[in-house]
Amino acid sequence: MTLAEKLLQDFQKLPEDKKQQVIDFVEFLKSKQKQEVEAMMDDIIDTNKEALMELAK
């Protein structure tokens, strides 16, 4: 059984309120990951601002 299959099997056994909590947690993780990527990109831009400005000419 794959991890996805196990997760789906366990998820389907949960009551509706617990399913909503799982969905909320997944959304939280996705949001957190997006914020981490955005912060990393901001850092890269700040670190290389001069080079990027030169390339933009």
N, C-alpha and C. Protein backbone atom coordinates (compact mmCIF):
# COMPACT_ATOMS: atom_id res chain seq x y z
N MET A 1 0.84 -1.18 0.00
CA MET A 1 0.00 0.00 0.00
C MET A 1 0.89 1.25 0.00
N THR A 2 0.57 2.16 -0.89
CA THR A 2 1.35 3.40 -0.95
C THR A 2 0.94 4.33 0.19
N LEU A 3 1.76 5.33 0.41
CA LEU A 3 1.47 6.32 1.44
C LEU A 3 0.15 7.04 1.15
N ALA A 4 -0.07 7.38 -0.11
CA ALA A 4 -1.30 8.06 -0.50
C ALA A 4 -2.52 7.17 -0.26
N GLU A 5 -2.41 5.91 -0.57
CA GLU A 5 -3.51 4.97 -0.34
C GLU A 5 -3.81 4.84 1.15
N LYS A 6 -2.77 4.75 1.95
CA LYS A 6 -2.93 4.65 3.41
C LYS A 6 -3.61 5.90 3.94
N LEU A 7 -3.15 7.07 3.49
CA LEU A 7 -3.73 8.32 3.93
C LEU A 7 -5.21 8.40 3.57
N LEU A 8 -5.54 8.06 2.34
CA LEU A 8 -6.93 8.10 1.89
C LEU A 8 -7.79 7.13 2.69
N GLN A 9 -7.28 5.94 2.92
CA GLN A 9 -8.01 4.92 3.69
C GLN A 9 -8.29 5.43 5.11
N ASP A 10 -7.28 5.98 5.75
CA ASP A 10 -7.46 6.49 7.11
C ASP A 10 -8.39 7.71 7.12
N PHE A 11 -8.22 8.58 6.13
CA PHE A 11 -9.05 9.78 6.03
C PHE A 11 -10.53 9.41 5.90
N GLN A 12 -10.84 8.43 5.07
CA GLN A 12 -12.23 8.05 4.83
C GLN A 12 -12.91 7.50 6.08
N LYS A 13 -12.14 7.01 7.03
CA LYS A 13 -12.69 6.45 8.26
C LYS A 13 -12.99 7.52 9.32
N LEU A 14 -12.49 8.73 9.10
CA LEU A 14 -12.67 9.79 10.08
C LEU A 14 -14.09 10.37 10.02
N PRO A 15 -14.56 10.88 11.17
CA PRO A 15 -15.83 11.63 11.14
C PRO A 15 -15.62 12.96 10.39
N GLU A 16 -16.70 13.55 9.94
CA GLU A 16 -16.63 14.75 9.11
C GLU A 16 -15.85 15.89 9.77
N ASP A 17 -16.03 16.10 11.07
CA ASP A 17 -15.32 17.21 11.71
C ASP A 17 -13.81 16.98 11.72
N LYS A 18 -13.41 15.73 11.87
CA LYS A 18 -11.97 15.42 11.84
C LYS A 18 -11.42 15.53 10.42
N LYS A 19 -12.23 15.19 9.44
CA LYS A 19 -11.81 15.36 8.04
C LYS A 19 -11.53 16.84 7.76
N GLN A 20 -12.40 17.72 8.29
CA GLN A 20 -12.21 19.15 8.09
C GLN A 20 -10.92 19.62 8.76
N GLN A 21 -10.60 19.05 9.92
CA GLN A 21 -9.35 19.41 10.59
C GLN A 21 -8.14 18.98 9.77
N VAL A 22 -8.22 17.82 9.14
CA VAL A 22 -7.13 17.35 8.28
C VAL A 22 -6.97 18.30 7.10
N ILE A 23 -8.07 18.67 6.48
CA ILE A 23 -8.03 19.59 5.35
C ILE A 23 -7.44 20.94 5.77
N ASP A 24 -7.88 21.43 6.93
CA ASP A 24 -7.34 22.70 7.44
C ASP A 24 -5.84 22.60 7.66
N PHE A 25 -5.37 21.48 8.20
CA PHE A 25 -3.94 21.30 8.46
C PHE A 25 -3.15 21.26 7.15
N VAL A 26 -3.68 20.58 6.15
CA VAL A 26 -3.01 20.52 4.85
C VAL A 26 -2.92 21.93 4.25
N GLU A 27 -4.00 22.70 4.37
CA GLU A 27 -3.98 24.08 3.87
C GLU A 27 -2.94 24.92 4.62
N PHE A 28 -2.83 24.71 5.94
CA PHE A 28 -1.83 25.40 6.73
C PHE A 28 -0.42 25.05 6.24
N LEU A 29 -0.16 23.77 6.00
CA LEU A 29 1.16 23.35 5.54
C LEU A 29 1.48 23.96 4.18
N LYS A 30 0.49 23.99 3.28
CA LYS A 30 0.71 24.58 1.97
C LYS A 30 1.02 26.07 2.09
N SER A 31 0.29 26.76 2.95
CA SER A 31 0.52 28.18 3.16
C SER A 31 1.90 28.43 3.74
N LYS A 32 2.29 27.62 4.70
CA LYS A 32 3.60 27.75 5.33
C LYS A 32 4.71 27.53 4.30
N GLN A 33 4.55 26.53 3.45
CA GLN A 33 5.55 26.25 2.42
C GLN A 33 5.64 27.40 1.44
N LYS A 34 4.49 27.96 1.06
CA LYS A 34 4.48 29.09 0.14
C LYS A 34 5.21 30.29 0.74
N GLN A 35 4.97 30.56 2.02
CA GLN A 35 5.64 31.67 2.70
C GLN A 35 7.14 31.45 2.76
N GLU A 36 7.56 30.21 2.99
CA GLU A 36 9.00 29.90 3.04
C GLU A 36 9.65 30.13 1.68
N VAL A 37 8.99 29.72 0.62
CA VAL A 37 9.52 29.91 -0.73
C VAL A 37 9.58 31.40 -1.05
N GLU A 38 8.53 32.14 -0.69
CA GLU A 38 8.53 33.58 -0.95
C GLU A 38 9.65 34.28 -0.19
N ALA A 39 9.88 33.89 1.06
CA ALA A 39 10.95 34.48 1.85
C ALA A 39 12.31 34.16 1.23
N MET A 40 12.47 32.94 0.74
CA MET A 40 13.73 32.55 0.11
C MET A 40 13.95 33.37 -1.16
N MET A 41 12.90 33.55 -1.95
CA MET A 41 13.04 34.33 -3.18
C MET A 41 13.35 35.80 -2.87
N ASP A 42 12.71 36.34 -1.84
CA ASP A 42 13.01 37.72 -1.43
C ASP A 42 14.46 37.85 -1.02
N ASP A 43 14.98 36.87 -0.32
CA ASP A 43 16.37 36.89 0.12
C ASP A 43 17.31 36.83 -1.10
N ILE A 44 16.98 35.98 -2.05
CA ILE A 44 17.80 35.87 -3.26
C ILE A 44 17.80 37.19 -4.02
N ILE A 45 16.63 37.81 -4.12
CA ILE A 45 16.54 39.09 -4.83
C ILE A 45 17.35 40.16 -4.09
N ASP A 46 17.19 40.23 -2.77
CA ASP A 46 17.94 41.22 -2.00
C ASP A 46 19.44 41.01 -2.12
N THR A 47 19.86 39.77 -2.06
CA THR A 47 21.29 39.45 -2.14
C THR A 47 21.87 39.80 -3.51
N ASN A 48 21.07 39.67 -4.55
CA ASN A 48 21.55 39.88 -5.92
C ASN A 48 20.95 41.11 -6.59
N LYS A 49 20.52 42.07 -5.78
CA LYS A 49 19.82 43.23 -6.32
C LYS A 49 20.63 43.99 -7.36
N GLU A 50 21.91 44.21 -7.07
CA GLU A 50 22.75 44.95 -8.02
C GLU A 50 22.85 44.24 -9.36
N ALA A 51 23.10 42.95 -9.32
CA ALA A 51 23.23 42.17 -10.56
C ALA A 51 21.91 42.17 -11.32
N LEU A 52 20.80 42.05 -10.61
CA LEU A 52 19.50 42.04 -11.27
C LEU A 52 19.19 43.39 -11.91
N MET A 53 19.58 44.46 -11.23
CA MET A 53 19.37 45.81 -11.80
C MET A 53 20.22 45.98 -13.07
N GLU A 54 21.42 45.45 -13.05
CA GLU A 54 22.28 45.53 -14.23
C GLU A 54 21.69 44.73 -15.39
N LEU A 55 21.17 43.57 -15.09
CA LEU A 55 20.57 42.75 -16.14
C LEU A 55 19.31 43.39 -16.71
N ALA A 56 18.62 44.18 -15.90
CA ALA A 56 17.37 44.80 -16.33
C ALA A 56 17.59 45.94 -17.32
N LYS A 57 18.83 46.41 -17.44
CA LYS A 57 19.11 47.53 -18.35
C LYS A 57 19.01 47.13 -19.80
